[in-house]
Amino acid sequence: MSSETNFAKVKIEGIFNLEEFSKEYKMTPQEVIQFHNQHCGLQELLSLNLSKYVQHVYLPSKNYEEEDIKVLKSTTLELPTRNEEKEYGVVIKFSPKDLQIHYKITVKRTLDLLTLTKDKTYVNNQKIEQTIEQLFEKANNTLYPLQILTERNGALSKIVNADEVAERWKKETFPKLKDYYQSETTDKILQQFDDTFCNLNKKRQFLERNMFYKLFFLPIYQTYAGFKKESLLQIYHADIAKQINYKMQYTLQKKFTRGNKIALKITGVEDDNLFNENREKGKVELLYKLDKETKVIYSIAGFISYFENDKKHNVDFQLYELGRLN
């Protein structure tokens, strides 16, 4: 082996593909073989017709370092711990209903405790005007500020200030709404909210059925052996009041994005059951981008589809960082 230090010794994992390897480091296969053979021992010599099983390859330091800074060094995503406050925009489109809702939500992080505050909701770019929708919006505002404790994998663990939410509901929101909205229908809706807000930790499905909470608190902070992981994901679709199971594939991208973000691609297909065996199945395609240093979610974009009476329904979801607040 040469005593020069202008090379890097790159360990090869799995089956070696010379064409792909050369392209990754911006060299031709001939250049890779030539440089390697100049710096290796006799027993390590390679040829263009090399074996698929190669332990390591010598490369020019410059080529290696230029690509190495773009590569994720660990297959484990650790839960963010830095104190930070961010504002996100959320846009959810439902088809074929031709319905879009959007709002802003602020997330303040202190270790594994998140405090969320939400701005007003817009429907098809308009302020909410319909009576029932206004009722739901005013009732839901009782949640905020909402403090959530997460598991180490990022999943929702506990509503820390559930007692405060219940107090706000009982003393402020509920009396005002009951006095303003007086009908049999609104009474039933308010009673359901009363049962939920007074027992929030026991009624966590109220949040988990919300697409924002389902996706923002997805347990993505895990180890991805071989950059991949499989699991089952349950998603509730309010339109059909039904929960659908999807078989999921999580793929952690080995390289950072052009914007220097960590990328996690999540794809899935509706799990087989007696009701969908003879029809097309719903799918999930999501792309999570995380801050390279803090691992905090930067954006989520993609769609979730399902079928009802052989008609395809689609939910397009976008969450994107609007800016750092500190």
Protein backbone atom coordinates (compact mmCIF):
# COMPACT_ATOMS: atom_id res chain seq x y z
CA MET A 1 0.00 0.00 0.00
CA SER A 2 1.26 3.48 -0.79
CA SER A 3 2.38 5.70 2.10
CA GLU A 4 0.81 8.75 0.47
CA THR A 5 -2.10 10.39 2.29
CA ASN A 6 -4.00 11.76 -0.70
CA PHE A 7 -6.45 8.86 -0.71
CA ALA A 8 -9.38 7.53 1.28
CA LYS A 9 -10.13 3.87 1.93
CA VAL A 10 -13.87 3.37 1.38
CA LYS A 11 -15.52 0.34 2.95
CA ILE A 12 -17.98 -1.46 0.66
CA GLU A 13 -21.25 -2.66 2.15
CA GLY A 14 -22.98 -5.53 0.32
CA ILE A 15 -22.58 -6.23 -3.39
CA PHE A 16 -20.25 -3.81 -5.19
CA ASN A 17 -21.54 -2.06 -8.33
CA LEU A 18 -18.61 -0.37 -10.08
CA GLU A 19 -20.77 1.76 -12.38
CA GLU A 20 -22.89 3.19 -9.57
CA PHE A 21 -19.90 3.60 -7.26
CA SER A 22 -17.94 5.52 -9.90
CA LYS A 23 -20.88 7.77 -10.72
CA GLU A 24 -21.41 8.57 -7.03
CA TYR A 25 -17.84 9.88 -6.72
CA LYS A 26 -17.83 11.62 -10.10
CA MET A 27 -15.27 9.33 -11.70
CA THR A 28 -15.27 6.84 -14.56
CA PRO A 29 -14.93 3.11 -13.77
CA GLN A 30 -11.51 3.19 -15.44
CA GLU A 31 -10.38 6.08 -13.20
CA VAL A 32 -11.57 4.28 -10.06
CA ILE A 33 -9.73 1.05 -10.97
CA GLN A 34 -6.57 2.91 -11.99
CA PHE A 35 -6.40 5.00 -8.81
CA HIS A 36 -7.24 2.04 -6.57
CA ASN A 37 -4.53 -0.15 -8.09
CA GLN A 38 -1.94 2.61 -7.64
CA HIS A 39 -2.55 2.74 -3.88
CA CYS A 40 -3.43 -0.81 -2.86
CA GLY A 41 -1.43 -3.92 -2.06
CA LEU A 42 -0.91 -6.72 -4.58
CA GLN A 43 -3.64 -8.86 -3.04
CA GLU A 44 -6.12 -5.96 -3.42
CA LEU A 45 -5.71 -5.33 -7.16
CA LEU A 46 -8.96 -4.93 -9.12
CA SER A 47 -9.95 -5.09 -12.77
CA LEU A 48 -12.94 -3.84 -14.75
CA ASN A 49 -14.23 -7.41 -14.71
CA LEU A 50 -13.99 -7.55 -10.93
CA SER A 51 -15.86 -9.71 -8.50
CA LYS A 52 -19.11 -8.35 -7.06
CA TYR A 53 -17.66 -8.88 -3.59
CA VAL A 54 -15.11 -6.16 -2.78
CA GLN A 55 -14.17 -5.18 0.76
CA HIS A 56 -12.90 -1.66 0.13
CA VAL A 57 -11.81 0.73 -2.62
CA TYR A 58 -9.17 3.48 -2.58
CA LEU A 59 -10.30 6.90 -3.84
CA PRO A 60 -8.77 10.37 -4.19
CA SER A 61 -9.36 12.25 -0.93
CA LYS A 62 -10.93 15.18 -2.76
CA ASN A 63 -13.59 13.04 -4.48
CA TYR A 64 -14.34 11.17 -1.28
CA GLU A 65 -14.61 14.25 0.94
CA GLU A 66 -16.85 16.12 -1.51
CA GLU A 67 -19.40 13.29 -1.34
CA ASP A 68 -18.85 12.30 2.28
CA ILE A 69 -20.18 15.64 3.60
CA LYS A 70 -23.44 14.89 1.78
CA VAL A 71 -23.92 11.48 3.41
CA LEU A 72 -25.92 10.71 6.54
CA LYS A 73 -23.54 9.26 9.11
CA SER A 74 -26.11 7.33 11.16
CA THR A 75 -29.26 5.34 10.41
CA THR A 76 -30.76 6.42 13.73
CA LEU A 77 -32.91 9.54 13.89
CA GLU A 78 -32.71 10.92 17.42
CA LEU A 79 -35.58 12.90 18.92
CA PRO A 80 -34.82 16.66 18.79
CA THR A 81 -33.85 18.13 22.16
CA ARG A 82 -32.91 21.72 21.39
CA ASN A 83 -35.20 24.45 22.74
CA GLU A 84 -36.75 25.95 19.63
CA GLU A 85 -39.89 27.63 18.38
CA LYS A 86 -41.19 27.31 14.83
CA GLU A 87 -44.22 28.36 12.86
CA TYR A 88 -45.65 26.02 10.22
CA GLY A 89 -48.17 26.40 7.47
CA VAL A 90 -50.56 23.48 7.05
CA VAL A 91 -52.59 22.84 3.87
CA ILE A 92 -54.91 19.85 3.51
CA LYS A 93 -56.86 19.22 0.29
CA PHE A 94 -59.65 16.68 -0.03
CA SER A 95 -60.78 15.30 -3.38
CA PRO A 96 -63.18 14.71 -5.03
CA LYS A 97 -64.88 17.01 -2.46
CA ASP A 98 -62.92 20.01 -3.79
CA LEU A 99 -62.28 21.11 -0.21
CA GLN A 100 -59.15 22.75 1.13
CA ILE A 101 -58.34 23.89 4.64
CA HIS A 102 -55.27 25.78 5.75
CA TYR A 103 -53.95 27.35 8.91
CA LYS A 104 -50.78 28.27 10.77
CA ILE A 105 -49.58 26.45 13.86
CA THR A 106 -46.70 27.36 16.18
CA VAL A 107 -44.68 24.62 17.88
CA LYS A 108 -42.43 25.47 20.81
CA ARG A 109 -40.09 22.68 21.86
CA THR A 110 -38.45 22.16 25.24
CA LEU A 111 -36.77 18.73 25.19
CA ASP A 112 -39.66 16.25 24.67
CA LEU A 113 -42.38 18.76 25.62
CA LEU A 114 -44.12 20.58 22.78
CA THR A 115 -46.43 23.57 23.22
CA LEU A 116 -48.75 24.18 20.27
CA THR A 117 -50.81 27.25 19.44
CA LYS A 118 -52.99 27.40 16.34
CA ASP A 119 -54.18 30.31 14.21
CA LYS A 120 -57.61 30.57 12.57
CA THR A 121 -58.67 27.98 9.98
CA TYR A 122 -59.56 28.94 6.40
CA VAL A 123 -61.80 26.83 4.16
CA ASN A 124 -61.16 27.19 0.42
CA ASN A 125 -59.18 30.35 1.25
CA GLN A 126 -62.16 31.93 2.99
CA LYS A 127 -62.89 32.57 6.66
CA ILE A 128 -65.27 30.05 8.19
CA GLU A 129 -68.86 31.26 7.84
CA GLN A 130 -71.15 28.26 8.19
CA THR A 131 -72.71 27.88 11.64
CA ILE A 132 -71.62 24.32 12.39
CA GLU A 133 -68.09 24.94 11.11
CA GLN A 134 -67.86 28.04 13.31
CA LEU A 135 -68.99 25.99 16.28
CA PHE A 136 -66.30 23.39 15.67
CA GLU A 137 -63.64 26.07 15.22
CA LYS A 138 -64.55 27.90 18.43
CA ALA A 139 -64.71 24.65 20.39
CA ASN A 140 -61.38 23.42 19.04
CA ASN A 141 -59.70 26.70 19.98
CA THR A 142 -60.16 25.63 23.61
CA LEU A 143 -57.27 23.21 23.12
CA TYR A 144 -54.67 25.94 22.72
CA PRO A 145 -52.12 26.39 24.06
CA LEU A 146 -51.79 22.60 24.09
CA GLN A 147 -48.83 20.93 25.79
CA ILE A 148 -47.83 17.48 24.53
CA LEU A 149 -45.25 15.13 25.96
CA THR A 150 -43.78 12.77 23.35
CA GLU A 151 -42.25 9.32 23.43
CA ARG A 152 -38.58 8.97 22.47
CA ASN A 153 -39.71 7.99 18.96
CA GLY A 154 -41.73 11.20 18.59
CA ALA A 155 -45.17 9.67 19.14
CA LEU A 156 -47.73 11.49 21.24
CA SER A 157 -47.49 10.25 24.84
CA LYS A 158 -49.55 12.54 27.07
CA ILE A 159 -51.47 15.82 27.14
CA VAL A 160 -49.61 17.58 29.94
CA ASN A 161 -52.05 20.45 30.45
CA ALA A 162 -55.25 18.41 30.04
CA ASP A 163 -56.62 19.86 33.30
CA GLU A 164 -56.08 23.42 32.01
CA VAL A 165 -57.89 22.58 28.77
CA ALA A 166 -60.82 21.14 30.75
CA GLU A 167 -60.91 24.25 32.95
CA ARG A 168 -60.94 26.59 29.93
CA TRP A 169 -63.72 24.56 28.38
CA LYS A 170 -65.94 24.40 31.47
CA LYS A 171 -65.48 28.00 32.63
CA GLU A 172 -65.09 29.94 29.36
CA THR A 173 -65.90 28.20 26.10
CA PHE A 174 -68.76 25.85 26.95
CA PRO A 175 -71.03 28.43 28.65
CA LYS A 176 -70.57 30.94 25.79
CA LEU A 177 -71.20 28.37 23.03
CA LYS A 178 -74.20 26.84 24.79
CA ASP A 179 -75.72 30.29 25.20
CA TYR A 180 -75.05 31.30 21.57
CA TYR A 181 -75.83 28.05 19.72
CA GLN A 182 -79.24 26.78 20.73
CA SER A 183 -80.54 23.80 18.80
CA GLU A 184 -80.84 20.07 19.23
CA THR A 185 -77.98 19.48 16.80
CA THR A 186 -75.56 21.90 18.44
CA ASP A 187 -76.46 20.57 21.90
CA LYS A 188 -75.37 17.08 20.84
CA ILE A 189 -72.13 18.43 19.36
CA LEU A 190 -71.36 20.44 22.50
CA GLN A 191 -72.03 17.41 24.68
CA GLN A 192 -69.51 15.40 22.64
CA PHE A 193 -66.93 18.16 23.05
CA ASP A 194 -67.68 18.31 26.77
CA ASP A 195 -67.02 14.60 27.13
CA THR A 196 -63.77 14.90 25.16
CA PHE A 197 -62.28 18.03 26.71
CA CYS A 198 -63.03 16.88 30.25
CA ASN A 199 -61.27 13.54 29.61
CA LEU A 200 -58.63 14.51 27.07
CA ASN A 201 -55.97 11.92 27.92
CA LYS A 202 -58.58 9.16 27.82
CA LYS A 203 -59.97 10.54 24.55
CA ARG A 204 -56.68 10.94 22.71
CA GLN A 205 -58.23 9.56 19.53
CA PHE A 206 -59.75 13.03 19.17
CA LEU A 207 -56.26 14.28 18.29
CA GLU A 208 -55.04 11.11 16.61
CA ARG A 209 -57.91 11.29 14.12
CA ASN A 210 -56.74 14.75 13.10
CA MET A 211 -54.44 14.47 10.07
CA PHE A 212 -51.98 17.07 11.38
CA TYR A 213 -51.51 15.32 14.72
CA LYS A 214 -51.36 11.90 13.08
CA LEU A 215 -48.53 12.88 10.75
CA PHE A 216 -46.63 15.39 12.88
CA PHE A 217 -46.43 12.90 15.75
CA LEU A 218 -45.67 9.87 13.60
CA PRO A 219 -42.96 7.82 15.40
CA ILE A 220 -40.20 8.56 12.90
CA TYR A 221 -37.37 8.89 15.43
CA GLN A 222 -36.11 5.33 15.24
CA THR A 223 -33.26 3.25 13.86
CA TYR A 224 -33.58 2.33 10.18
CA ALA A 225 -31.45 -0.79 9.75
CA GLY A 226 -30.17 -0.77 6.19
CA PHE A 227 -31.88 2.61 5.84
CA LYS A 228 -35.29 0.89 5.76
CA LYS A 229 -38.06 -0.11 8.10
CA GLU A 230 -41.53 -1.63 7.75
CA SER A 231 -44.59 -1.12 9.93
CA LEU A 232 -48.37 -0.87 9.94
CA LEU A 233 -50.04 2.56 10.00
CA GLN A 234 -53.67 3.18 10.96
CA ILE A 235 -55.28 6.33 9.56
CA TYR A 236 -58.78 7.54 10.35
CA HIS A 237 -60.74 9.08 7.45
CA ALA A 238 -63.49 11.35 8.74
CA ASP A 239 -65.42 11.32 5.45
CA ILE A 240 -66.29 7.67 5.86
CA ALA A 241 -65.85 7.52 9.66
CA LYS A 242 -63.51 4.58 9.17
CA GLN A 243 -59.97 3.65 10.10
CA ILE A 244 -57.84 2.08 7.37
CA ASN A 245 -54.66 0.06 7.85
CA TYR A 246 -51.72 0.64 5.52
CA LYS A 247 -48.61 -1.54 5.19
CA MET A 248 -45.75 0.96 5.27
CA GLN A 249 -42.17 1.13 4.03
CA TYR A 250 -39.93 3.80 5.58
CA THR A 251 -36.80 4.65 3.56
CA LEU A 252 -34.18 6.95 5.05
CA GLN A 253 -32.28 8.63 2.21
CA LYS A 254 -28.52 8.10 2.48
CA LYS A 255 -27.71 11.58 1.20
CA PHE A 256 -28.93 14.98 2.28
CA THR A 257 -31.25 16.86 -0.07
CA ARG A 258 -30.08 19.77 -2.21
CA GLY A 259 -31.38 22.00 0.57
CA ASN A 260 -29.14 20.10 3.04
CA LYS A 261 -32.06 18.36 4.77
CA ILE A 262 -32.48 14.78 5.96
CA ALA A 263 -35.12 13.04 3.83
CA LEU A 264 -37.37 10.20 4.96
CA LYS A 265 -39.61 8.70 2.29
CA ILE A 266 -42.71 6.88 3.52
CA THR A 267 -44.80 4.78 1.16
CA GLY A 268 -47.58 2.32 1.79
CA VAL A 269 -50.50 0.38 0.41
CA GLU A 270 -53.81 -0.49 2.03
CA ASP A 271 -53.58 -3.73 3.95
CA ASP A 272 -55.45 -6.72 2.53
CA ASN A 273 -58.84 -7.55 4.00
CA LEU A 274 -62.13 -9.19 2.98
CA PHE A 275 -63.56 -5.90 1.72
CA ASN A 276 -60.78 -4.79 -0.64
CA GLU A 277 -59.45 -8.03 -2.18
CA ASN A 278 -61.14 -7.43 -5.54
CA ARG A 279 -60.55 -3.71 -5.96
CA GLU A 280 -57.78 -1.16 -6.21
CA LYS A 281 -56.24 -0.29 -2.87
CA GLY A 282 -55.48 3.03 -1.24
CA LYS A 283 -51.90 4.28 -1.04
CA VAL A 284 -49.66 6.52 1.05
CA GLU A 285 -46.77 8.60 -0.28
CA LEU A 286 -45.13 11.06 2.09
CA LEU A 287 -41.78 12.82 2.17
CA TYR A 288 -40.49 14.12 5.51
CA LYS A 289 -37.62 16.60 5.51
CA LEU A 290 -35.77 17.19 8.76
CA ASP A 291 -33.23 19.78 9.84
CA LYS A 292 -29.73 18.32 9.35
CA GLU A 293 -28.47 19.43 12.77
CA THR A 294 -31.49 19.40 15.09
CA LYS A 295 -33.59 16.67 13.37
CA VAL A 296 -36.69 18.87 13.81
CA ILE A 297 -39.36 18.44 11.11
CA TYR A 298 -38.88 21.00 8.34
CA SER A 299 -41.66 19.84 6.02
CA ILE A 300 -44.06 17.01 5.23
CA ALA A 301 -45.58 16.61 1.78
CA GLY A 302 -47.57 13.89 0.07
CA PHE A 303 -50.92 12.18 -0.15
CA ILE A 304 -53.07 9.45 1.35
CA SER A 305 -55.74 7.75 -0.75
CA TYR A 306 -58.59 5.38 -0.01
CA PHE A 307 -61.67 3.96 -1.76
CA GLU A 308 -65.33 4.10 -0.82
CA ASN A 309 -67.93 2.45 -3.05
CA ASP A 310 -65.23 2.02 -5.71
CA LYS A 311 -64.65 5.77 -5.76
CA LYS A 312 -61.14 7.05 -5.08
CA HIS A 313 -60.67 9.68 -2.38
CA ASN A 314 -57.44 11.60 -1.95
CA VAL A 315 -56.05 13.65 0.92
CA ASP A 316 -53.12 15.88 -0.05
CA PHE A 317 -51.12 17.04 2.95
CA GLN A 318 -48.50 19.79 3.16
CA LEU A 319 -46.72 21.11 6.21
CA TYR A 320 -43.87 23.55 5.76
CA GLU A 321 -41.75 25.72 8.01
CA LEU A 322 -42.59 29.40 7.77
CA GLY A 323 -39.57 30.57 9.75
CA ARG A 324 -37.69 30.35 12.99
CA LEU A 325 -39.10 32.45 15.80
CA ASN A 326 -35.89 32.52 17.85
